[in-house]
Amino acid sequence: RAYGNIGNLCMVQKDPERAIPHYTEVLRLSKERSTSYVAYHNRGCGFYELGHKRINEQLTTRKRVDYQFTDYGPHTRDLESKHQQQEFDENPRKLFKQGLSDFEKVIENHENTFSHISSSPKGLNLSVCLFENNSKTFSRAQDCAFYLGDHYRALILAERS
């Protein structure tokens, strides 16, 4: 629990890079299934937030460089167009991929836990309650798939939620 709480504090401080190792430690130490899936969700959120942070850093750097190209005049058009064609480096993609993997573990657990009891009124109520608690998981999983360019997977996740 202490590692999870430290990870949560890091996330509140908008420092997912420091939070992720704490959630990983929870996964390593945890014997309880429910604790593990909370840690998967939280670590997935950390990867998701860190991916966004890396993309924003790259965009900020590119804007600065693009602005410098513009300042030097028309002879830099070739450099400017080459620069704009570059893709983001692999780091954010890896982060979104790991986040999606963690989110899918939570979603699979949700579906396995409630698939056999969702036909009863009590089971349906529990399933709906758990879905409401995990709606961020479904949403972030869709976003990760979208950022990875896997639009089909994002649609499948949307249907599952």
C-alpha atoms as a PDB file:
ATOM      1  CA  ARG A   1       0.000   0.000   0.000  1.00  0.00           C
ATOM      2  CA  ALA A   2       2.788   2.437   0.783  1.00  0.00           C
ATOM      3  CA  TYR A   3       4.245   2.167  -2.718  1.00  0.00           C
ATOM      4  CA  GLY A   4       0.806   2.734  -4.238  1.00  0.00           C
ATOM      5  CA  ASN A   5       0.255   5.787  -2.051  1.00  0.00           C
ATOM      6  CA  ILE A   6       3.643   7.229  -2.992  1.00  0.00           C
ATOM      7  CA  GLY A   7       2.815   6.614  -6.658  1.00  0.00           C
ATOM      8  CA  ASN A   8      -0.530   8.381  -6.189  1.00  0.00           C
ATOM      9  CA  LEU A   9       1.214  11.377  -4.607  1.00  0.00           C
ATOM     10  CA  CYS A  10       3.608  11.549  -7.546  1.00  0.00           C
ATOM     11  CA  MET A  11       0.667  11.509  -9.955  1.00  0.00           C
ATOM     12  CA  VAL A  12      -1.043  14.318  -8.032  1.00  0.00           C
ATOM     13  CA  GLN A  13       2.201  16.275  -8.356  1.00  0.00           C
ATOM     14  CA  LYS A  14       2.056  15.634 -12.140  1.00  0.00           C
ATOM     15  CA  ASP A  15       5.191  13.480 -12.037  1.00  0.00           C
ATOM     16  CA  PRO A  16       4.225  10.185 -13.692  1.00  0.00           C
ATOM     17  CA  GLU A  17       7.865   9.314 -14.330  1.00  0.00           C
ATOM     18  CA  ARG A  18       8.425   8.957 -10.573  1.00  0.00           C
ATOM     19  CA  ALA A  19       5.038   7.252 -10.023  1.00  0.00           C
ATOM     20  CA  ILE A  20       5.486   4.355 -12.471  1.00  0.00           C
ATOM     21  CA  PRO A  21       8.266   2.541 -10.523  1.00  0.00           C
ATOM     22  CA  HIS A  22       6.140   2.665  -7.360  1.00  0.00           C
ATOM     23  CA  TYR A  23       3.182   1.043  -9.121  1.00  0.00           C
ATOM     24  CA  THR A  24       5.536  -1.552 -10.603  1.00  0.00           C
ATOM     25  CA  GLU A  25       6.747  -2.332  -7.092  1.00  0.00           C
ATOM     26  CA  VAL A  26       3.126  -2.807  -5.957  1.00  0.00           C
ATOM     27  CA  LEU A  27       2.689  -5.327  -8.784  1.00  0.00           C
ATOM     28  CA  ARG A  28       5.847  -7.150  -7.737  1.00  0.00           C
ATOM     29  CA  LEU A  29       4.895  -7.349  -4.072  1.00  0.00           C
ATOM     30  CA  SER A  30       1.115  -7.698  -4.200  1.00  0.00           C
ATOM     31  CA  LYS A  31      -0.509 -11.017  -3.432  1.00  0.00           C
ATOM     32  CA  GLU A  32      -4.061  -9.670  -3.772  1.00  0.00           C
ATOM     33  CA  ARG A  33      -5.673  -9.690  -7.191  1.00  0.00           C
ATOM     34  CA  SER A  34      -7.695  -6.532  -6.582  1.00  0.00           C
ATOM     35  CA  THR A  35      -4.609  -4.598  -5.497  1.00  0.00           C
ATOM     36  CA  SER A  36      -2.772  -5.765  -8.609  1.00  0.00           C
ATOM     37  CA  TYR A  37      -5.499  -4.517 -10.930  1.00  0.00           C
ATOM     38  CA  VAL A  38      -5.623  -1.139  -9.216  1.00  0.00           C
ATOM     39  CA  ALA A  39      -1.848  -0.944  -9.679  1.00  0.00           C
ATOM     40  CA  TYR A  40      -2.201  -1.910 -13.371  1.00  0.00           C
ATOM     41  CA  HIS A  41      -4.776   0.843 -13.807  1.00  0.00           C
ATOM     42  CA  ASN A  42      -2.640   3.420 -12.005  1.00  0.00           C
ATOM     43  CA  ARG A  43       0.540   2.438 -13.842  1.00  0.00           C
ATOM     44  CA  GLY A  44      -1.367   2.567 -17.136  1.00  0.00           C
ATOM     45  CA  CYS A  45      -2.446   6.101 -16.251  1.00  0.00           C
ATOM     46  CA  GLY A  46       1.183   6.933 -15.475  1.00  0.00           C
ATOM     47  CA  PHE A  47       2.348   5.660 -18.875  1.00  0.00           C
ATOM     48  CA  TYR A  48      -0.508   7.525 -20.564  1.00  0.00           C
ATOM     49  CA  GLU A  49       0.315  10.826 -18.814  1.00  0.00           C
ATOM     50  CA  LEU A  50       4.049  10.400 -19.435  1.00  0.00           C
ATOM     51  CA  GLY A  51       3.383   9.740 -23.124  1.00  0.00           C
ATOM     52  CA  HIS A  52       1.425  12.983 -23.322  1.00  0.00           C
ATOM     53  CA  LYS A  53       4.182  14.808 -21.506  1.00  0.00           C
ATOM     54  CA  ARG A  54       6.792  13.526 -23.998  1.00  0.00           C
ATOM     55  CA  ILE A  55       4.633  14.524 -26.986  1.00  0.00           C
ATOM     56  CA  ASN A  56       4.140  18.019 -25.559  1.00  0.00           C
ATOM     57  CA  GLU A  57       7.892  18.351 -24.990  1.00  0.00           C
ATOM     58  CA  GLN A  58       8.556  17.348 -28.590  1.00  0.00           C
ATOM     59  CA  LEU A  59       5.934  19.758 -29.895  1.00  0.00           C
ATOM     60  CA  THR A  60       7.399  22.596 -27.833  1.00  0.00           C
ATOM     61  CA  THR A  61      10.879  21.851 -29.183  1.00  0.00           C
ATOM     62  CA  ARG A  62       9.573  21.692 -32.745  1.00  0.00           C
ATOM     63  CA  LYS A  63       7.699  24.967 -32.417  1.00  0.00           C
ATOM     64  CA  ARG A  64      10.885  26.622 -31.218  1.00  0.00           C
ATOM     65  CA  VAL A  65      12.867  25.156 -34.112  1.00  0.00           C
ATOM     66  CA  ASP A  66      10.133  26.006 -36.660  1.00  0.00           C
ATOM     67  CA  TYR A  67      10.082  29.557 -35.359  1.00  0.00           C
ATOM     68  CA  GLN A  68      13.865  29.781 -35.781  1.00  0.00           C
ATOM     69  CA  PHE A  69      13.571  28.530 -39.372  1.00  0.00           C
ATOM     70  CA  THR A  70      10.946  31.171 -40.095  1.00  0.00           C
ATOM     71  CA  ASP A  71      13.207  33.886 -38.674  1.00  0.00           C
ATOM     72  CA  TYR A  72      16.014  33.096 -41.109  1.00  0.00           C
ATOM     73  CA  GLY A  73      13.982  33.751 -44.260  1.00  0.00           C
ATOM     74  CA  PRO A  74      12.756  32.017 -47.400  1.00  0.00           C
ATOM     75  CA  HIS A  75      15.967  30.089 -48.095  1.00  0.00           C
ATOM     76  CA  THR A  76      15.085  27.748 -45.203  1.00  0.00           C
ATOM     77  CA  ARG A  77      11.835  26.408 -46.735  1.00  0.00           C
ATOM     78  CA  ASP A  78      13.446  23.059 -47.574  1.00  0.00           C
ATOM     79  CA  LEU A  79      14.707  22.655 -44.029  1.00  0.00           C
ATOM     80  CA  GLU A  80      11.307  23.660 -42.656  1.00  0.00           C
ATOM     81  CA  SER A  81       9.376  21.125 -44.721  1.00  0.00           C
ATOM     82  CA  LYS A  82      11.831  18.327 -43.843  1.00  0.00           C
ATOM     83  CA  HIS A  83      11.467  19.176 -40.195  1.00  0.00           C
ATOM     84  CA  GLN A  84       7.665  19.104 -40.304  1.00  0.00           C
ATOM     85  CA  GLN A  85       7.671  15.639 -41.889  1.00  0.00           C
ATOM     86  CA  GLN A  86       9.522  14.047 -38.999  1.00  0.00           C
ATOM     87  CA  GLU A  87       7.423  11.839 -36.770  1.00  0.00           C
ATOM     88  CA  PHE A  88       7.507  11.726 -33.008  1.00  0.00           C
ATOM     89  CA  ASP A  89      10.279   9.586 -31.650  1.00  0.00           C
ATOM     90  CA  GLU A  90       9.488   6.108 -30.375  1.00  0.00           C
ATOM     91  CA  ASN A  91       9.460   7.001 -26.678  1.00  0.00           C
ATOM     92  CA  PRO A  92       5.806   8.192 -26.510  1.00  0.00           C
ATOM     93  CA  ARG A  93       4.695   5.212 -28.619  1.00  0.00           C
ATOM     94  CA  LYS A  94       6.371   2.788 -26.205  1.00  0.00           C
ATOM     95  CA  LEU A  95       4.710   4.525 -23.271  1.00  0.00           C
ATOM     96  CA  PHE A  96       1.250   4.366 -24.886  1.00  0.00           C
ATOM     97  CA  LYS A  97       1.838   0.714 -25.792  1.00  0.00           C
ATOM     98  CA  GLN A  98       2.722  -0.201 -22.194  1.00  0.00           C
ATOM     99  CA  GLY A  99      -0.223   1.829 -20.894  1.00  0.00           C
ATOM    100  CA  LEU A 100      -2.590   0.042 -23.278  1.00  0.00           C
ATOM    101  CA  SER A 101      -1.237  -3.326 -22.133  1.00  0.00           C
ATOM    102  CA  ASP A 102      -1.887  -2.431 -18.482  1.00  0.00           C
ATOM    103  CA  PHE A 103      -5.383  -1.094 -19.230  1.00  0.00           C
ATOM    104  CA  GLU A 104      -6.289  -4.227 -21.188  1.00  0.00           C
ATOM    105  CA  LYS A 105      -5.355  -6.391 -18.180  1.00  0.00           C
ATOM    106  CA  VAL A 106      -7.822  -4.408 -16.063  1.00  0.00           C
ATOM    107  CA  ILE A 107     -10.532  -4.642 -18.730  1.00  0.00           C
ATOM    108  CA  GLU A 108     -10.004  -8.388 -19.147  1.00  0.00           C
ATOM    109  CA  ASN A 109     -10.236  -8.857 -15.382  1.00  0.00           C
ATOM    110  CA  HIS A 110     -13.489  -6.861 -15.340  1.00  0.00           C
ATOM    111  CA  GLU A 111     -14.983  -8.950 -18.126  1.00  0.00           C
ATOM    112  CA  ASN A 112     -13.845 -12.287 -16.636  1.00  0.00           C
ATOM    113  CA  THR A 113     -15.110 -11.387 -13.186  1.00  0.00           C
ATOM    114  CA  PHE A 114     -18.584 -10.377 -14.255  1.00  0.00           C
ATOM    115  CA  SER A 115     -19.251 -12.351 -17.437  1.00  0.00           C
ATOM    116  CA  HIS A 116     -20.852 -15.291 -15.632  1.00  0.00           C
ATOM    117  CA  ILE A 117     -22.950 -13.277 -13.167  1.00  0.00           C
ATOM    118  CA  SER A 118     -24.068 -10.342 -15.329  1.00  0.00           C
ATOM    119  CA  SER A 119     -27.310 -12.159 -16.180  1.00  0.00           C
ATOM    120  CA  SER A 120     -28.553 -11.854 -12.579  1.00  0.00           C
ATOM    121  CA  PRO A 121     -29.850  -8.491 -11.287  1.00  0.00           C
ATOM    122  CA  LYS A 122     -27.243  -8.395  -8.496  1.00  0.00           C
ATOM    123  CA  GLY A 123     -24.433  -9.310 -10.897  1.00  0.00           C
ATOM    124  CA  LEU A 124     -25.616  -6.721 -13.405  1.00  0.00           C
ATOM    125  CA  ASN A 125     -25.631  -4.029 -10.700  1.00  0.00           C
ATOM    126  CA  LEU A 126     -22.100  -5.009  -9.638  1.00  0.00           C
ATOM    127  CA  SER A 127     -20.923  -5.026 -13.251  1.00  0.00           C
ATOM    128  CA  VAL A 128     -22.391  -1.570 -13.923  1.00  0.00           C
ATOM    129  CA  CYS A 129     -20.834  -0.238 -10.709  1.00  0.00           C
ATOM    130  CA  LEU A 130     -17.427  -1.638 -11.621  1.00  0.00           C
ATOM    131  CA  PHE A 131     -17.740  -0.279 -15.152  1.00  0.00           C
ATOM    132  CA  GLU A 132     -18.428   3.207 -13.769  1.00  0.00           C
ATOM    133  CA  ASN A 133     -15.313   2.889 -11.612  1.00  0.00           C
ATOM    134  CA  ASN A 134     -13.282   1.708 -14.610  1.00  0.00           C
ATOM    135  CA  SER A 135     -14.683   4.086 -17.224  1.00  0.00           C
ATOM    136  CA  LYS A 136     -11.372   5.982 -17.150  1.00  0.00           C
ATOM    137  CA  THR A 137      -9.607   2.702 -17.916  1.00  0.00           C
ATOM    138  CA  PHE A 138     -11.758   2.111 -20.999  1.00  0.00           C
ATOM    139  CA  SER A 139     -11.380   5.705 -22.154  1.00  0.00           C
ATOM    140  CA  ARG A 140      -7.613   5.802 -21.697  1.00  0.00           C
ATOM    141  CA  ALA A 141      -7.204   2.407 -23.380  1.00  0.00           C
ATOM    142  CA  GLN A 142      -9.078   3.761 -26.409  1.00  0.00           C
ATOM    143  CA  ASP A 143      -6.901   6.875 -26.434  1.00  0.00           C
ATOM    144  CA  CYS A 144      -3.690   4.803 -26.241  1.00  0.00           C
ATOM    145  CA  ALA A 145      -4.842   2.639 -29.172  1.00  0.00           C
ATOM    146  CA  PHE A 146      -5.694   5.770 -31.127  1.00  0.00           C
ATOM    147  CA  TYR A 147      -2.283   7.364 -30.438  1.00  0.00           C
ATOM    148  CA  LEU A 148      -0.635   4.137 -31.583  1.00  0.00           C
ATOM    149  CA  GLY A 149      -2.541   4.429 -34.860  1.00  0.00           C
ATOM    150  CA  ASP A 150      -4.560   1.280 -34.135  1.00  0.00           C
ATOM    151  CA  HIS A 151      -7.988   2.733 -34.895  1.00  0.00           C
ATOM    152  CA  TYR A 152      -9.633  -0.678 -35.219  1.00  0.00           C
ATOM    153  CA  ARG A 153      -8.490  -1.625 -31.709  1.00  0.00           C
ATOM    154  CA  ALA A 154      -9.772   1.722 -30.398  1.00  0.00           C
ATOM    155  CA  LEU A 155     -13.205   0.975 -31.912  1.00  0.00           C
ATOM    156  CA  ILE A 156     -13.246  -2.530 -30.432  1.00  0.00           C
ATOM    157  CA  LEU A 157     -12.436  -1.063 -27.005  1.00  0.00           C
ATOM    158  CA  ALA A 158     -15.239   1.479 -27.440  1.00  0.00           C
ATOM    159  CA  GLU A 159     -17.687  -1.334 -28.187  1.00  0.00           C
ATOM    160  CA  ARG A 160     -16.530  -3.322 -25.163  1.00  0.00           C
ATOM    161  CA  SER A 161     -17.159  -0.358 -22.875  1.00  0.00           C
END
